[in-house]
Amino acid sequence: RDSGETPMIGDKVYVHYTGRLLNGKKFDSSHDRGEPFTFNLGIGQMIKAWDLAVASMSKGEVCEITCKPEYTYGVSWNPPKIPPNSTLVFEMVALLEG
């Protein structure tokens, strides 16, 4: 793919990200682990906000998204460090798509 093209549903995508609560507190970062996060786009492996955002990104593009709870984890399930019904902010960079 050309660097200006966006990934397609089902493509394996690689992103570096930092996730924060609205108060700025970091809850997760692929940068801290030293490797990008990988998932298949648009098939429900990730929160809805990521599927929507990454689908519009091209290789090397950087974005910041603010995500309402209905596009993240909502009230029914939350990973450690994320209170229920939280709005989350992600800084993301799309590294490549397959």
PDB file of N, CA and C in Angstrom:
ATOM      1  N   ARG A   1       0.815  -1.203   0.000  1.00  0.00           N
ATOM      2  CA  ARG A   1       0.000   0.000   0.000  1.00  0.00           C
ATOM      3  C   ARG A   1       0.850   1.255   0.000  1.00  0.00           C
ATOM      4  N   ASP A   2       0.319   2.270  -0.633  1.00  0.00           N
ATOM      5  CA  ASP A   2       0.957   3.581  -0.568  1.00  0.00           C
ATOM      6  C   ASP A   2       0.787   4.150   0.828  1.00  0.00           C
ATOM      7  N   SER A   3       1.700   5.017   1.223  1.00  0.00           N
ATOM      8  CA  SER A   3       1.650   5.571   2.576  1.00  0.00           C
ATOM      9  C   SER A   3       0.404   6.424   2.804  1.00  0.00           C
ATOM     10  N   GLY A   4      -0.228   6.936   1.741  1.00  0.00           N
ATOM     11  CA  GLY A   4      -1.419   7.758   1.898  1.00  0.00           C
ATOM     12  C   GLY A   4      -2.706   6.973   1.999  1.00  0.00           C
ATOM     13  N   GLU A   5      -2.651   5.668   1.763  1.00  0.00           N
ATOM     14  CA  GLU A   5      -3.855   4.851   1.812  1.00  0.00           C
ATOM     15  C   GLU A   5      -4.203   4.479   3.242  1.00  0.00           C
ATOM     16  N   THR A   6      -5.484   4.301   3.462  1.00  0.00           N
ATOM     17  CA  THR A   6      -5.960   3.884   4.776  1.00  0.00           C
ATOM     18  C   THR A   6      -6.162   2.373   4.789  1.00  0.00           C
ATOM     19  N   PRO A   7      -6.114   1.752   5.974  1.00  0.00           N
ATOM     20  CA  PRO A   7      -6.279   0.299   6.053  1.00  0.00           C
ATOM     21  C   PRO A   7      -7.720  -0.119   5.770  1.00  0.00           C
ATOM     22  N   MET A   8      -7.884  -1.382   5.443  1.00  0.00           N
ATOM     23  CA  MET A   8      -9.200  -1.941   5.153  1.00  0.00           C
ATOM     24  C   MET A   8      -9.641  -2.834   6.312  1.00  0.00           C
ATOM     25  N   ILE A   9     -10.940  -3.069   6.407  1.00  0.00           N
ATOM     26  CA  ILE A   9     -11.486  -3.958   7.433  1.00  0.00           C
ATOM     27  C   ILE A   9     -10.769  -5.301   7.350  1.00  0.00           C
ATOM     28  N   GLY A  10     -10.335  -5.798   8.488  1.00  0.00           N
ATOM     29  CA  GLY A  10      -9.635  -7.075   8.555  1.00  0.00           C
ATOM     30  C   GLY A  10      -8.130  -6.969   8.469  1.00  0.00           C
ATOM     31  N   ASP A  11      -7.611  -5.818   8.008  1.00  0.00           N
ATOM     32  CA  ASP A  11      -6.158  -5.643   7.937  1.00  0.00           C
ATOM     33  C   ASP A  11      -5.549  -5.678   9.334  1.00  0.00           C
ATOM     34  N   LYS A  12      -4.360  -6.238   9.419  1.00  0.00           N
ATOM     35  CA  LYS A  12      -3.587  -6.165  10.660  1.00  0.00           C
ATOM     36  C   LYS A  12      -2.936  -4.791  10.691  1.00  0.00           C
ATOM     37  N   VAL A  13      -3.179  -4.043  11.769  1.00  0.00           N
ATOM     38  CA  VAL A  13      -2.621  -2.701  11.897  1.00  0.00           C
ATOM     39  C   VAL A  13      -1.724  -2.629  13.127  1.00  0.00           C
ATOM     40  N   TYR A  14      -0.759  -1.742  13.060  1.00  0.00           N
ATOM     41  CA  TYR A  14       0.216  -1.539  14.131  1.00  0.00           C
ATOM     42  C   TYR A  14       0.137  -0.082  14.550  1.00  0.00           C
ATOM     43  N   VAL A  15      -0.094   0.158  15.832  1.00  0.00           N
ATOM     44  CA  VAL A  15      -0.181   1.531  16.326  1.00  0.00           C
ATOM     45  C   VAL A  15       0.626   1.681  17.611  1.00  0.00           C
ATOM     46  N   HIS A  16       1.218   2.839  17.766  1.00  0.00           N
ATOM     47  CA  HIS A  16       1.770   3.229  19.058  1.00  0.00           C
ATOM     48  C   HIS A  16       0.750   4.186  19.661  1.00  0.00           C
ATOM     49  N   TYR A  17       0.550   4.085  20.960  1.00  0.00           N
ATOM     50  CA  TYR A  17      -0.468   4.910  21.598  1.00  0.00           C
ATOM     51  C   TYR A  17      -0.120   5.187  23.054  1.00  0.00           C
ATOM     52  N   THR A  18      -0.720   6.237  23.553  1.00  0.00           N
ATOM     53  CA  THR A  18      -0.747   6.520  24.983  1.00  0.00           C
ATOM     54  C   THR A  18      -2.188   6.826  25.334  1.00  0.00           C
ATOM     55  N   GLY A  19      -2.705   6.132  26.340  1.00  0.00           N
ATOM     56  CA  GLY A  19      -4.071   6.350  26.796  1.00  0.00           C
ATOM     57  C   GLY A  19      -4.082   7.097  28.114  1.00  0.00           C
ATOM     58  N   ARG A  20      -4.957   8.100  28.193  1.00  0.00           N
ATOM     59  CA  ARG A  20      -5.068   8.916  29.405  1.00  0.00           C
ATOM     60  C   ARG A  20      -6.539   9.102  29.784  1.00  0.00           C
ATOM     61  N   LEU A  21      -6.760   9.295  31.075  1.00  0.00           N
ATOM     62  CA  LEU A  21      -8.066   9.730  31.548  1.00  0.00           C
ATOM     63  C   LEU A  21      -8.197  11.218  31.250  1.00  0.00           C
ATOM     64  N   LEU A  22      -9.407  11.760  31.349  1.00  0.00           N
ATOM     65  CA  LEU A  22      -9.598  13.190  31.081  1.00  0.00           C
ATOM     66  C   LEU A  22      -8.765  14.079  31.998  1.00  0.00           C
ATOM     67  N   ASN A  23      -8.439  13.597  33.191  1.00  0.00           N
ATOM     68  CA  ASN A  23      -7.620  14.392  34.116  1.00  0.00           C
ATOM     69  C   ASN A  23      -6.133  14.349  33.760  1.00  0.00           C
ATOM     70  N   GLY A  24      -5.784  13.649  32.663  1.00  0.00           N
ATOM     71  CA  GLY A  24      -4.405  13.586  32.200  1.00  0.00           C
ATOM     72  C   GLY A  24      -3.615  12.401  32.710  1.00  0.00           C
ATOM     73  N   LYS A  25      -4.193  11.621  33.623  1.00  0.00           N
ATOM     74  CA  LYS A  25      -3.475  10.482  34.193  1.00  0.00           C
ATOM     75  C   LYS A  25      -3.351   9.357  33.165  1.00  0.00           C
ATOM     76  N   LYS A  26      -2.106   8.970  32.898  1.00  0.00           N
ATOM     77  CA  LYS A  26      -1.835   7.904  31.928  1.00  0.00           C
ATOM     78  C   LYS A  26      -2.225   6.560  32.527  1.00  0.00           C
ATOM     79  N   PHE A  27      -2.954   5.748  31.737  1.00  0.00           N
ATOM     80  CA  PHE A  27      -3.302   4.411  32.208  1.00  0.00           C
ATOM     81  C   PHE A  27      -2.639   3.314  31.392  1.00  0.00           C
ATOM     82  N   ASP A  28      -2.138   3.652  30.206  1.00  0.00           N
ATOM     83  CA  ASP A  28      -1.482   2.631  29.384  1.00  0.00           C
ATOM     84  C   ASP A  28      -0.710   3.312  28.260  1.00  0.00           C
ATOM     85  N   SER A  29       0.358   2.645  27.798  1.00  0.00           N
ATOM     86  CA  SER A  29       1.136   3.175  26.678  1.00  0.00           C
ATOM     87  C   SER A  29       1.956   2.067  26.037  1.00  0.00           C
ATOM     88  N   SER A  30       1.825   1.936  24.734  1.00  0.00           N
ATOM     89  CA  SER A  30       2.670   0.975  24.012  1.00  0.00           C
ATOM     90  C   SER A  30       4.121   1.444  24.009  1.00  0.00           C
ATOM     91  N   HIS A  31       4.335   2.746  24.093  1.00  0.00           N
ATOM     92  CA  HIS A  31       5.698   3.289  24.137  1.00  0.00           C
ATOM     93  C   HIS A  31       6.449   2.756  25.357  1.00  0.00           C
ATOM     94  N   ASP A  32       5.738   2.636  26.485  1.00  0.00           N
ATOM     95  CA  ASP A  32       6.365   2.128  27.708  1.00  0.00           C
ATOM     96  C   ASP A  32       6.818   0.680  27.553  1.00  0.00           C
ATOM     97  N   ARG A  33       6.109  -0.073  26.728  1.00  0.00           N
ATOM     98  CA  ARG A  33       6.468  -1.481  26.492  1.00  0.00           C
ATOM     99  C   ARG A  33       7.515  -1.632  25.391  1.00  0.00           C
ATOM    100  N   GLY A  34       7.732  -0.553  24.625  1.00  0.00           N
ATOM    101  CA  GLY A  34       8.756  -0.580  23.587  1.00  0.00           C
ATOM    102  C   GLY A  34       8.360  -1.294  22.311  1.00  0.00           C
ATOM    103  N   GLU A  35       7.063  -1.560  22.143  1.00  0.00           N
ATOM    104  CA  GLU A  35       6.617  -2.180  20.891  1.00  0.00           C
ATOM    105  C   GLU A  35       5.192  -1.740  20.591  1.00  0.00           C
ATOM    106  N   PRO A  36       4.862  -1.634  19.306  1.00  0.00           N
ATOM    107  CA  PRO A  36       3.518  -1.192  18.945  1.00  0.00           C
ATOM    108  C   PRO A  36       2.472  -2.242  19.294  1.00  0.00           C
ATOM    109  N   PHE A  37       1.245  -1.796  19.364  1.00  0.00           N
ATOM    110  CA  PHE A  37       0.113  -2.682  19.595  1.00  0.00           C
ATOM    111  C   PHE A  37      -0.425  -3.111  18.235  1.00  0.00           C
ATOM    112  N   THR A  38      -0.786  -4.369  18.112  1.00  0.00           N
ATOM    113  CA  THR A  38      -1.255  -4.929  16.849  1.00  0.00           C
ATOM    114  C   THR A  38      -2.669  -5.464  17.014  1.00  0.00           C
ATOM    115  N   PHE A  39      -3.517  -5.182  16.034  1.00  0.00           N
ATOM    116  CA  PHE A  39      -4.857  -5.775  16.020  1.00  0.00           C
ATOM    117  C   PHE A  39      -5.397  -5.786  14.596  1.00  0.00           C
ATOM    118  N   ASN A  40      -6.436  -6.586  14.374  1.00  0.00           N
ATOM    119  CA  ASN A  40      -7.098  -6.633  13.080  1.00  0.00           C
ATOM    120  C   ASN A  40      -8.240  -5.621  13.096  1.00  0.00           C
ATOM    121  N   LEU A  41      -8.226  -4.721  12.135  1.00  0.00           N
ATOM    122  CA  LEU A  41      -9.139  -3.585  12.098  1.00  0.00           C
ATOM    123  C   LEU A  41     -10.581  -3.997  11.818  1.00  0.00           C
ATOM    124  N   GLY A  42     -11.497  -3.423  12.596  1.00  0.00           N
ATOM    125  CA  GLY A  42     -12.915  -3.489  12.280  1.00  0.00           C
ATOM    126  C   GLY A  42     -13.623  -4.797  12.525  1.00  0.00           C
ATOM    127  N   ILE A  43     -13.011  -5.699  13.277  1.00  0.00           N
ATOM    128  CA  ILE A  43     -13.672  -6.989  13.514  1.00  0.00           C
ATOM    129  C   ILE A  43     -13.975  -7.204  14.996  1.00  0.00           C
ATOM    130  N   GLY A  44     -13.990  -6.124  15.760  1.00  0.00           N
ATOM    131  CA  GLY A  44     -14.392  -6.203  17.154  1.00  0.00           C
ATOM    132  C   GLY A  44     -13.317  -6.614  18.133  1.00  0.00           C
ATOM    133  N   GLN A  45     -12.048  -6.611  17.710  1.00  0.00           N
ATOM    134  CA  GLN A  45     -10.959  -6.953  18.628  1.00  0.00           C
ATOM    135  C   GLN A  45     -10.636  -5.810  19.582  1.00  0.00           C
ATOM    136  N   MET A  46     -10.970  -4.602  19.183  1.00  0.00           N
ATOM    137  CA  MET A  46     -10.623  -3.414  19.974  1.00  0.00           C
ATOM    138  C   MET A  46     -11.868  -2.596  20.262  1.00  0.00           C
ATOM    139  N   ILE A  47     -11.699  -1.579  21.102  1.00  0.00           N
ATOM    140  CA  ILE A  47     -12.817  -0.689  21.379  1.00  0.00           C
ATOM    141  C   ILE A  47     -13.250  -0.011  20.080  1.00  0.00           C
ATOM    142  N   LYS A  48     -14.529   0.333  20.016  1.00  0.00           N
ATOM    143  CA  LYS A  48     -15.116   0.919  18.815  1.00  0.00           C
ATOM    144  C   LYS A  48     -14.382   2.190  18.377  1.00  0.00           C
ATOM    145  N   ALA A  49     -13.961   3.006  19.341  1.00  0.00           N
ATOM    146  CA  ALA A  49     -13.264   4.254  19.013  1.00  0.00           C
ATOM    147  C   ALA A  49     -11.998   3.998  18.204  1.00  0.00           C
ATOM    148  N   TRP A  50     -11.261   2.950  18.567  1.00  0.00           N
ATOM    149  CA  TRP A  50     -10.034   2.637  17.824  1.00  0.00           C
ATOM    150  C   TRP A  50     -10.353   2.163  16.415  1.00  0.00           C
ATOM    151  N   ASP A  51     -11.344   1.296  16.265  1.00  0.00           N
ATOM    152  CA  ASP A  51     -11.709   0.832  14.926  1.00  0.00           C
ATOM    153  C   ASP A  51     -12.084   2.010  14.031  1.00  0.00           C
ATOM    154  N   LEU A  52     -12.853   2.945  14.564  1.00  0.00           N
ATOM    155  CA  LEU A  52     -13.268   4.107  13.774  1.00  0.00           C
ATOM    156  C   LEU A  52     -12.093   5.024  13.448  1.00  0.00           C
ATOM    157  N   ALA A  53     -11.257   5.312  14.427  1.00  0.00           N
ATOM    158  CA  ALA A  53     -10.145   6.250  14.219  1.00  0.00           C
ATOM    159  C   ALA A  53      -9.088   5.686  13.284  1.00  0.00           C
ATOM    160  N   VAL A  54      -8.640   4.471  13.549  1.00  0.00           N
ATOM    161  CA  VAL A  54      -7.544   3.894  12.761  1.00  0.00           C
ATOM    162  C   VAL A  54      -7.974   3.648  11.317  1.00  0.00           C
ATOM    163  N   ALA A  55      -9.257   3.386  11.094  1.00  0.00           N
ATOM    164  CA  ALA A  55      -9.749   3.170   9.729  1.00  0.00           C
ATOM    165  C   ALA A  55      -9.548   4.395   8.848  1.00  0.00           C
ATOM    166  N   SER A  56      -9.452   5.574   9.457  1.00  0.00           N
ATOM    167  CA  SER A  56      -9.287   6.801   8.674  1.00  0.00           C
ATOM    168  C   SER A  56      -7.845   7.291   8.631  1.00  0.00           C
ATOM    169  N   MET A  57      -6.930   6.556   9.264  1.00  0.00           N
ATOM    170  CA  MET A  57      -5.537   6.996   9.348  1.00  0.00           C
ATOM    171  C   MET A  57      -4.674   6.359   8.266  1.00  0.00           C
ATOM    172  N   SER A  58      -3.711   7.108   7.784  1.00  0.00           N
ATOM    173  CA  SER A  58      -2.723   6.557   6.855  1.00  0.00           C
ATOM    174  C   SER A  58      -1.408   6.345   7.605  1.00  0.00           C
ATOM    175  N   LYS A  59      -0.515   5.597   6.996  1.00  0.00           N
ATOM    176  CA  LYS A  59       0.760   5.265   7.626  1.00  0.00           C
ATOM    177  C   LYS A  59       1.500   6.525   8.056  1.00  0.00           C
ATOM    178  N   GLY A  60       1.941   6.542   9.306  1.00  0.00           N
ATOM    179  CA  GLY A  60       2.690   7.668   9.837  1.00  0.00           C
ATOM    180  C   GLY A  60       1.841   8.789  10.402  1.00  0.00           C
ATOM    181  N   GLU A  61       0.539   8.726  10.183  1.00  0.00           N
ATOM    182  CA  GLU A  61      -0.344   9.778  10.683  1.00  0.00           C
ATOM    183  C   GLU A  61      -0.455   9.713  12.203  1.00  0.00           C
ATOM    184  N   VAL A  62      -0.506  10.876  12.817  1.00  0.00           N
ATOM    185  CA  VAL A  62      -0.638  10.991  14.264  1.00  0.00           C
ATOM    186  C   VAL A  62      -1.978  11.655  14.563  1.00  0.00           C
ATOM    187  N   CYS A  63      -2.673  11.155  15.583  1.00  0.00           N
ATOM    188  CA  CYS A  63      -3.927  11.791  15.968  1.00  0.00           C
ATOM    189  C   CYS A  63      -4.120  11.709  17.471  1.00  0.00           C
ATOM    190  N   GLU A  64      -5.010  12.548  17.955  1.00  0.00           N
ATOM    191  CA  GLU A  64      -5.468  12.462  19.340  1.00  0.00           C
ATOM    192  C   GLU A  64      -6.979  12.364  19.285  1.00  0.00           C
ATOM    193  N   ILE A  65      -7.526  11.348  19.950  1.00  0.00           N
ATOM    194  CA  ILE A  65      -8.970  11.172  19.958  1.00  0.00           C
ATOM    195  C   ILE A  65      -9.478  11.200  21.401  1.00  0.00           C
ATOM    196  N   THR A  66     -10.603  11.846  21.578  1.00  0.00           N
ATOM    197  CA  THR A  66     -11.295  11.855  22.859  1.00  0.00           C
ATOM    198  C   THR A  66     -12.530  10.994  22.687  1.00  0.00           C
ATOM    199  N   CYS A  67     -12.657   9.969  23.530  1.00  0.00           N
ATOM    200  CA  CYS A  67     -13.649   8.918  23.323  1.00  0.00           C
ATOM    201  C   CYS A  67     -14.643   8.850  24.468  1.00  0.00           C
ATOM    202  N   LYS A  68     -15.911   9.010  24.149  1.00  0.00           N
ATOM    203  CA  LYS A  68     -16.969   8.854  25.146  1.00  0.00           C
ATOM    204  C   LYS A  68     -17.060   7.386  25.556  1.00  0.00           C
ATOM    205  N   PRO A  69     -17.611   7.107  26.742  1.00  0.00           N
ATOM    206  CA  PRO A  69     -17.664   5.727  27.247  1.00  0.00           C
ATOM    207  C   PRO A  69     -18.334   4.732  26.308  1.00  0.00           C
ATOM    208  N   GLU A  70     -19.341   5.173  25.555  1.00  0.00           N
ATOM    209  CA  GLU A  70     -20.021   4.239  24.652  1.00  0.00           C
ATOM    210  C   GLU A  70     -19.124   3.776  23.505  1.00  0.00           C
ATOM    211  N   TYR A  71     -18.000   4.461  23.286  1.00  0.00           N
ATOM    212  CA  TYR A  71     -17.040   4.051  22.264  1.00  0.00           C
ATOM    213  C   TYR A  71     -15.804   3.390  22.869  1.00  0.00           C
ATOM    214  N   THR A  72     -15.807   3.236  24.197  1.00  0.00           N
ATOM    215  CA  THR A  72     -14.672   2.580  24.860  1.00  0.00           C
ATOM    216  C   THR A  72     -15.175   1.385  25.655  1.00  0.00           C
ATOM    217  N   TYR A  73     -15.174   1.492  26.966  1.00  0.00           N
ATOM    218  CA  TYR A  73     -15.519   0.345  27.817  1.00  0.00           C
ATOM    219  C   TYR A  73     -16.855   0.486  28.514  1.00  0.00           C
ATOM    220  N   GLY A  74     -17.501   1.657  28.446  1.00  0.00           N
ATOM    221  CA  GLY A  74     -18.809   1.850  29.050  1.00  0.00           C
ATOM    222  C   GLY A  74     -18.802   1.650  30.553  1.00  0.00           C
ATOM    223  N   VAL A  75     -19.913   1.119  31.058  1.00  0.00           N
ATOM    224  CA  VAL A  75     -20.044   0.909  32.499  1.00  0.00           C
ATOM    225  C   VAL A  75     -19.953  -0.559  32.885  1.00  0.00           C
ATOM    226  N   SER A  76     -20.098  -1.449  31.916  1.00  0.00           N
ATOM    227  CA  SER A  76     -20.202  -2.873  32.252  1.00  0.00           C
ATOM    228  C   SER A  76     -18.860  -3.549  32.516  1.00  0.00           C
ATOM    229  N   TRP A  77     -17.809  -3.111  31.851  1.00  0.00           N
ATOM    230  CA  TRP A  77     -16.497  -3.736  32.039  1.00  0.00           C
ATOM    231  C   TRP A  77     -15.431  -2.677  31.869  1.00  0.00           C
ATOM    232  N   ASN A  78     -14.467  -2.717  32.748  1.00  0.00           N
ATOM    233  CA  ASN A  78     -13.355  -1.783  32.642  1.00  0.00           C
ATOM    234  C   ASN A  78     -12.064  -2.458  33.044  1.00  0.00           C
ATOM    235  N   PRO A  79     -11.008  -2.224  32.253  1.00  0.00           N
ATOM    236  CA  PRO A  79      -9.699  -2.743  32.634  1.00  0.00           C
ATOM    237  C   PRO A  79      -9.182  -2.026  33.881  1.00  0.00           C
ATOM    238  N   PRO A  80      -8.163  -2.585  34.505  1.00  0.00           N
ATOM    239  CA  PRO A  80      -7.569  -1.903  35.662  1.00  0.00           C
ATOM    240  C   PRO A  80      -7.146  -0.473  35.296  1.00  0.00           C
ATOM    241  N   LYS A  81      -7.224   0.404  36.248  1.00  0.00           N
ATOM    242  CA  LYS A  81      -6.802   1.807  36.117  1.00  0.00           C
ATOM    243  C   LYS A  81      -7.811   2.693  35.389  1.00  0.00           C
ATOM    244  N   ILE A  82      -8.938   2.116  34.900  1.00  0.00           N
ATOM    245  CA  ILE A  82      -9.934   2.923  34.200  1.00  0.00           C
ATOM    246  C   ILE A  82     -11.260   2.821  34.954  1.00  0.00           C
ATOM    247  N   PRO A  83     -11.713   3.917  35.564  1.00  0.00           N
ATOM    248  CA  PRO A  83     -12.995   3.887  36.268  1.00  0.00           C
ATOM    249  C   PRO A  83     -14.157   3.656  35.291  1.00  0.00           C
ATOM    250  N   PRO A  84     -15.245   3.035  35.755  1.00  0.00           N
ATOM    251  CA  PRO A  84     -16.417   2.842  34.892  1.00  0.00           C
ATOM    252  C   PRO A  84     -16.919   4.167  34.330  1.00  0.00           C
ATOM    253  N   ASN A  85     -17.453   4.106  33.114  1.00  0.00           N
ATOM    254  CA  ASN A  85     -18.087   5.248  32.456  1.00  0.00           C
ATOM    255  C   ASN A  85     -17.120   6.404  32.206  1.00  0.00           C
ATOM    256  N   SER A  86     -15.863   6.092  31.918  1.00  0.00           N
ATOM    257  CA  SER A  86     -14.836   7.117  31.708  1.00  0.00           C
ATOM    258  C   SER A  86     -14.736   7.549  30.249  1.00  0.00           C
ATOM    259  N   THR A  87     -14.555   8.842  30.044  1.00  0.00           N
ATOM    260  CA  THR A  87     -14.149   9.366  28.743  1.00  0.00           C
ATOM    261  C   THR A  87     -12.633   9.260  28.691  1.00  0.00           C
ATOM    262  N   LEU A  88     -12.114   8.719  27.599  1.00  0.00           N
ATOM    263  CA  LEU A  88     -10.682   8.461  27.478  1.00  0.00           C
ATOM    264  C   LEU A  88     -10.082   9.269  26.340  1.00  0.00           C
ATOM    265  N   VAL A  89      -8.803   9.586  26.468  1.00  0.00           N
ATOM    266  CA  VAL A  89      -8.059  10.308  25.433  1.00  0.00           C
ATOM    267  C   VAL A  89      -6.897   9.428  24.998  1.00  0.00           C
ATOM    268  N   PHE A  90      -6.766   9.239  23.691  1.00  0.00           N
ATOM    269  CA  PHE A  90      -5.666   8.453  23.144  1.00  0.00           C
ATOM    270  C   PHE A  90      -4.871   9.300  22.165  1.00  0.00           C
ATOM    271  N   GLU A  91      -3.559   9.284  22.319  1.00  0.00           N
ATOM    272  CA  GLU A  91      -2.648   9.815  21.309  1.00  0.00           C
ATOM    273  C   GLU A  91      -2.160   8.603  20.539  1.00  0.00           C
ATOM    274  N   MET A  92      -2.332   8.610  19.225  1.00  0.00           N
ATOM    275  CA  MET A  92      -2.026   7.432  18.423  1.00  0.00           C
ATOM    276  C   MET A  92      -1.198   7.798  17.205  1.00  0.00           C
ATOM    277  N   VAL A  93      -0.356   6.863  16.779  1.00  0.00           N
ATOM    278  CA  VAL A  93       0.339   6.978  15.503  1.00  0.00           C
ATOM    279  C   VAL A  93       0.201   5.642  14.787  1.00  0.00           C
ATOM    280  N   ALA A  94      -0.251   5.699  13.541  1.00  0.00           N
ATOM    281  CA  ALA A  94      -0.390   4.499  12.723  1.00  0.00           C
ATOM    282  C   ALA A  94       0.968   4.204  12.091  1.00  0.00           C
ATOM    283  N   LEU A  95       1.538   3.057  12.416  1.00  0.00           N
ATOM    284  CA  LEU A  95       2.871   2.720  11.912  1.00  0.00           C
ATOM    285  C   LEU A  95       2.806   2.066  10.544  1.00  0.00           C
ATOM    286  N   LEU A  96       1.982   1.066  10.407  1.00  0.00           N
ATOM    287  CA  LEU A  96       1.799   0.444   9.105  1.00  0.00           C
ATOM    288  C   LEU A  96       0.599  -0.455   9.139  1.00  0.00           C
ATOM    289  N   GLU A  97       0.106  -0.775   7.973  1.00  0.00           N
ATOM    290  CA  GLU A  97      -1.013  -1.687   7.870  1.00  0.00           C
ATOM    291  C   GLU A  97      -0.666  -2.773   6.873  1.00  0.00           C
ATOM    292  N   GLY A  98      -1.262  -3.916   7.045  1.00  0.00           N
ATOM    293  CA  GLY A  98      -0.868  -5.058   6.244  1.00  0.00           C
ATOM    294  C   GLY A  98      -1.800  -5.472   5.205  1.00  0.00           C
TER     295      GLY A  98
END
